Amino acid sequence: MTQDTPTLPAPDGWPEALRQEFLDNQFNGCVGSILVSETEKLRVWHLRLPPGKRCNFHRHVLDYFWTAHNPGKARGYYHDGRIVDVTHHAGETKHFTFPAGDFFVHSVENIGETELLFTTVEFKDSGNTPLPVPAEMRLQAA
């Protein structure tokens, strides 16, 4: 499948509001709360999730890594229907690679008692075309 594939069905068994948000956002390229830097080669995102909050569903198509800045607990909702709970520690870093046509769609919920803070770095020279990022998701210089 590629990022240009038809709409994926929402996973069975999820509450209707979550299924609809998945359908509405599965081509969302905003992989963080705010895009803080972008060059020809990369995008740097910050993701901030207070306890009890969840980010919108979004699609990863570019090679990337994320780093957790503090400990916390998260629940991931994935396009294949998986719901996965994880415990993060400060400095934890994970790398992902997406060959041409590969991707995943997910959302992250903070199920812990501390704010979750991540930095995500996407590499634009990956196997897929970068998804667009709306102007309002970019850090505006003061």
C-alpha atoms as a PDB file:
ATOM      1  CA  MET A   1       0.000   0.000   0.000  1.00  0.00           C
ATOM      2  CA  THR A   2       1.111   3.562  -0.593  1.00  0.00           C
ATOM      3  CA  GLN A   3       0.106   6.873   0.869  1.00  0.00           C
ATOM      4  CA  ASP A   4      -2.076   7.302  -2.234  1.00  0.00           C
ATOM      5  CA  THR A   5      -4.125   4.167  -1.518  1.00  0.00           C
ATOM      6  CA  PRO A   6      -7.870   4.349  -0.999  1.00  0.00           C
ATOM      7  CA  THR A   7      -9.195   5.058   2.455  1.00  0.00           C
ATOM      8  CA  LEU A   8      -8.562   2.282   4.972  1.00  0.00           C
ATOM      9  CA  PRO A   9     -11.553   0.963   6.900  1.00  0.00           C
ATOM     10  CA  ALA A  10     -11.752   1.946  10.552  1.00  0.00           C
ATOM     11  CA  PRO A  11     -10.861  -0.944  12.866  1.00  0.00           C
ATOM     12  CA  ASP A  12     -13.778  -2.981  14.168  1.00  0.00           C
ATOM     13  CA  GLY A  13     -14.576  -2.838  17.863  1.00  0.00           C
ATOM     14  CA  TRP A  14     -13.477   0.752  18.433  1.00  0.00           C
ATOM     15  CA  PRO A  15     -16.010   3.327  19.723  1.00  0.00           C
ATOM     16  CA  GLU A  16     -17.756   5.151  16.863  1.00  0.00           C
ATOM     17  CA  ALA A  17     -16.129   8.534  17.650  1.00  0.00           C
ATOM     18  CA  LEU A  18     -12.652   6.957  17.509  1.00  0.00           C
ATOM     19  CA  ARG A  19     -13.508   5.162  14.255  1.00  0.00           C
ATOM     20  CA  GLN A  20     -14.696   8.434  12.692  1.00  0.00           C
ATOM     21  CA  GLU A  21     -11.587  10.317  13.808  1.00  0.00           C
ATOM     22  CA  PHE A  22      -9.486   7.559  12.248  1.00  0.00           C
ATOM     23  CA  LEU A  23     -11.374   7.902   8.947  1.00  0.00           C
ATOM     24  CA  ASP A  24     -11.100  11.701   9.009  1.00  0.00           C
ATOM     25  CA  ASN A  25      -7.364  11.831   9.799  1.00  0.00           C
ATOM     26  CA  GLN A  26      -5.716   8.771   8.282  1.00  0.00           C
ATOM     27  CA  PHE A  27      -3.868  10.902   5.688  1.00  0.00           C
ATOM     28  CA  ASN A  28      -2.856  13.500   8.281  1.00  0.00           C
ATOM     29  CA  GLY A  29       0.896  14.134   7.986  1.00  0.00           C
ATOM     30  CA  CYS A  30       1.169  16.032  11.291  1.00  0.00           C
ATOM     31  CA  VAL A  31       3.144  13.589  13.408  1.00  0.00           C
ATOM     32  CA  GLY A  32       3.481  15.958  16.376  1.00  0.00           C
ATOM     33  CA  SER A  33       1.820  18.884  18.127  1.00  0.00           C
ATOM     34  CA  ILE A  34       3.940  21.440  16.273  1.00  0.00           C
ATOM     35  CA  LEU A  35       6.537  21.425  13.500  1.00  0.00           C
ATOM     36  CA  VAL A  36       9.431  23.382  15.028  1.00  0.00           C
ATOM     37  CA  SER A  37      11.951  23.129  12.173  1.00  0.00           C
ATOM     38  CA  GLU A  38      12.062  22.026   8.547  1.00  0.00           C
ATOM     39  CA  THR A  39      14.854  21.861   5.979  1.00  0.00           C
ATOM     40  CA  GLU A  40      15.150  20.224   2.575  1.00  0.00           C
ATOM     41  CA  LYS A  41      16.227  17.040   4.352  1.00  0.00           C
ATOM     42  CA  LEU A  42      14.238  16.808   7.580  1.00  0.00           C
ATOM     43  CA  ARG A  43      11.333  17.866   9.770  1.00  0.00           C
ATOM     44  CA  VAL A  44      11.572  18.262  13.556  1.00  0.00           C
ATOM     45  CA  TRP A  45       8.362  17.925  15.576  1.00  0.00           C
ATOM     46  CA  HIS A  46       7.494  18.328  19.246  1.00  0.00           C
ATOM     47  CA  LEU A  47       4.653  16.263  20.679  1.00  0.00           C
ATOM     48  CA  ARG A  48       3.202  17.314  24.017  1.00  0.00           C
ATOM     49  CA  LEU A  49       0.423  15.225  25.564  1.00  0.00           C
ATOM     50  CA  PRO A  50      -0.968  16.115  29.000  1.00  0.00           C
ATOM     51  CA  PRO A  51      -2.394  13.252  31.090  1.00  0.00           C
ATOM     52  CA  GLY A  52      -5.663  11.969  29.640  1.00  0.00           C
ATOM     53  CA  LYS A  53      -5.152  13.591  26.210  1.00  0.00           C
ATOM     54  CA  ARG A  54      -4.692  11.891  22.833  1.00  0.00           C
ATOM     55  CA  CYS A  55      -3.181  13.234  19.620  1.00  0.00           C
ATOM     56  CA  ASN A  56      -5.059  12.996  16.318  1.00  0.00           C
ATOM     57  CA  PHE A  57      -4.537   9.992  14.113  1.00  0.00           C
ATOM     58  CA  HIS A  58      -1.713  10.569  11.661  1.00  0.00           C
ATOM     59  CA  ARG A  59       0.147   8.699   8.944  1.00  0.00           C
ATOM     60  CA  HIS A  60       3.863   7.943   9.072  1.00  0.00           C
ATOM     61  CA  VAL A  61       5.404   7.560   5.599  1.00  0.00           C
ATOM     62  CA  LEU A  62       8.921   8.922   6.176  1.00  0.00           C
ATOM     63  CA  ASP A  63      11.849   7.290   7.943  1.00  0.00           C
ATOM     64  CA  TYR A  64      11.981   8.810  11.413  1.00  0.00           C
ATOM     65  CA  PHE A  65      12.949   8.518  15.031  1.00  0.00           C
ATOM     66  CA  TRP A  66      11.426   9.816  18.223  1.00  0.00           C
ATOM     67  CA  THR A  67      12.914  10.485  21.638  1.00  0.00           C
ATOM     68  CA  ALA A  68      10.946  10.668  24.901  1.00  0.00           C
ATOM     69  CA  HIS A  69      12.023  13.531  27.163  1.00  0.00           C
ATOM     70  CA  ASN A  70      10.411  12.214  30.327  1.00  0.00           C
ATOM     71  CA  PRO A  71       8.878   9.026  31.688  1.00  0.00           C
ATOM     72  CA  GLY A  72       5.225   8.210  31.190  1.00  0.00           C
ATOM     73  CA  LYS A  73       2.604   5.752  30.007  1.00  0.00           C
ATOM     74  CA  ALA A  74       0.966   5.756  26.596  1.00  0.00           C
ATOM     75  CA  ARG A  75      -1.623   3.808  24.629  1.00  0.00           C
ATOM     76  CA  GLY A  76      -1.222   3.485  20.869  1.00  0.00           C
ATOM     77  CA  TYR A  77      -4.149   2.891  18.507  1.00  0.00           C
ATOM     78  CA  TYR A  78      -3.011   1.411  15.175  1.00  0.00           C
ATOM     79  CA  HIS A  79      -4.692   1.091  11.773  1.00  0.00           C
ATOM     80  CA  ASP A  80      -4.581  -2.703  11.981  1.00  0.00           C
ATOM     81  CA  GLY A  81      -6.780  -2.587  15.097  1.00  0.00           C
ATOM     82  CA  ARG A  82      -4.023  -3.126  17.680  1.00  0.00           C
ATOM     83  CA  ILE A  83      -4.201  -1.167  20.920  1.00  0.00           C
ATOM     84  CA  VAL A  84      -0.842  -1.254  22.695  1.00  0.00           C
ATOM     85  CA  ASP A  85       0.060   0.130  26.141  1.00  0.00           C
ATOM     86  CA  VAL A  86       3.693   1.090  26.751  1.00  0.00           C
ATOM     87  CA  THR A  87       5.774   2.669  29.493  1.00  0.00           C
ATOM     88  CA  HIS A  88       8.317   5.252  28.288  1.00  0.00           C
ATOM     89  CA  HIS A  89      11.502   6.353  30.026  1.00  0.00           C
ATOM     90  CA  ALA A  90      13.468   9.584  29.645  1.00  0.00           C
ATOM     91  CA  GLY A  91      15.862   9.336  26.718  1.00  0.00           C
ATOM     92  CA  GLU A  92      14.123   6.346  25.129  1.00  0.00           C
ATOM     93  CA  THR A  93      14.567   6.537  21.352  1.00  0.00           C
ATOM     94  CA  LYS A  94      12.992   4.403  18.608  1.00  0.00           C
ATOM     95  CA  HIS A  95      13.819   4.375  14.876  1.00  0.00           C
ATOM     96  CA  PHE A  96      11.479   3.472  12.005  1.00  0.00           C
ATOM     97  CA  THR A  97      12.108   2.910   8.285  1.00  0.00           C
ATOM     98  CA  PHE A  98       9.455   3.008   5.562  1.00  0.00           C
ATOM     99  CA  PRO A  99      10.357   1.618   2.128  1.00  0.00           C
ATOM    100  CA  ALA A 100       8.383   2.908  -0.845  1.00  0.00           C
ATOM    101  CA  GLY A 101       4.686   2.241  -0.315  1.00  0.00           C
ATOM    102  CA  ASP A 102       5.009   1.411   3.379  1.00  0.00           C
ATOM    103  CA  PHE A 103       3.322   3.383   6.189  1.00  0.00           C
ATOM    104  CA  PHE A 104       1.356   3.127   9.385  1.00  0.00           C
ATOM    105  CA  VAL A 105      -1.462   5.169  10.884  1.00  0.00           C
ATOM    106  CA  HIS A 106      -1.827   5.620  14.622  1.00  0.00           C
ATOM    107  CA  SER A 107      -2.782   7.837  17.537  1.00  0.00           C
ATOM    108  CA  VAL A 108      -1.113   8.116  20.944  1.00  0.00           C
ATOM    109  CA  GLU A 109      -3.006   8.637  24.213  1.00  0.00           C
ATOM    110  CA  ASN A 110      -1.385   9.631  27.500  1.00  0.00           C
ATOM    111  CA  ILE A 111      -2.697   7.119  30.052  1.00  0.00           C
ATOM    112  CA  GLY A 112      -0.234   8.108  32.763  1.00  0.00           C
ATOM    113  CA  GLU A 113      -0.056  10.821  35.386  1.00  0.00           C
ATOM    114  CA  THR A 114       2.789  12.857  33.845  1.00  0.00           C
ATOM    115  CA  GLU A 115       2.897  14.923  30.681  1.00  0.00           C
ATOM    116  CA  LEU A 116       4.426  13.104  27.712  1.00  0.00           C
ATOM    117  CA  LEU A 117       7.028  15.064  25.739  1.00  0.00           C
ATOM    118  CA  PHE A 118       8.602  13.726  22.548  1.00  0.00           C
ATOM    119  CA  THR A 119      10.782  15.033  19.754  1.00  0.00           C
ATOM    120  CA  THR A 120      10.269  13.348  16.385  1.00  0.00           C
ATOM    121  CA  VAL A 121      12.667  13.799  13.461  1.00  0.00           C
ATOM    122  CA  GLU A 122      11.439  12.794   9.990  1.00  0.00           C
ATOM    123  CA  PHE A 123      13.839  12.316   7.067  1.00  0.00           C
ATOM    124  CA  LYS A 124      12.332  13.771   3.890  1.00  0.00           C
ATOM    125  CA  ASP A 125      14.660  11.818   1.575  1.00  0.00           C
ATOM    126  CA  SER A 126      12.886   8.562   2.486  1.00  0.00           C
ATOM    127  CA  GLY A 127      11.224   6.072   0.147  1.00  0.00           C
ATOM    128  CA  ASN A 128       7.901   7.995   0.144  1.00  0.00           C
ATOM    129  CA  THR A 129       6.853  11.540  -0.659  1.00  0.00           C
ATOM    130  CA  PRO A 130       6.402  13.715   2.453  1.00  0.00           C
ATOM    131  CA  LEU A 131       2.785  14.435   3.335  1.00  0.00           C
ATOM    132  CA  PRO A 132       1.745  18.104   3.420  1.00  0.00           C
ATOM    133  CA  VAL A 133       1.807  20.089   6.666  1.00  0.00           C
ATOM    134  CA  PRO A 134      -0.688  22.958   7.112  1.00  0.00           C
ATOM    135  CA  ALA A 135       0.751  26.392   7.964  1.00  0.00           C
ATOM    136  CA  GLU A 136      -0.997  26.433  11.361  1.00  0.00           C
ATOM    137  CA  MET A 137       1.057  23.382  12.456  1.00  0.00           C
ATOM    138  CA  ARG A 138       4.348  25.235  11.925  1.00  0.00           C
ATOM    139  CA  LEU A 139       6.069  27.174  14.685  1.00  0.00           C
ATOM    140  CA  GLN A 140       5.623  30.861  13.921  1.00  0.00           C
ATOM    141  CA  ALA A 141       8.617  33.110  14.565  1.00  0.00           C
ATOM    142  CA  ALA A 142       7.897  35.872  17.085  1.00  0.00           C
END
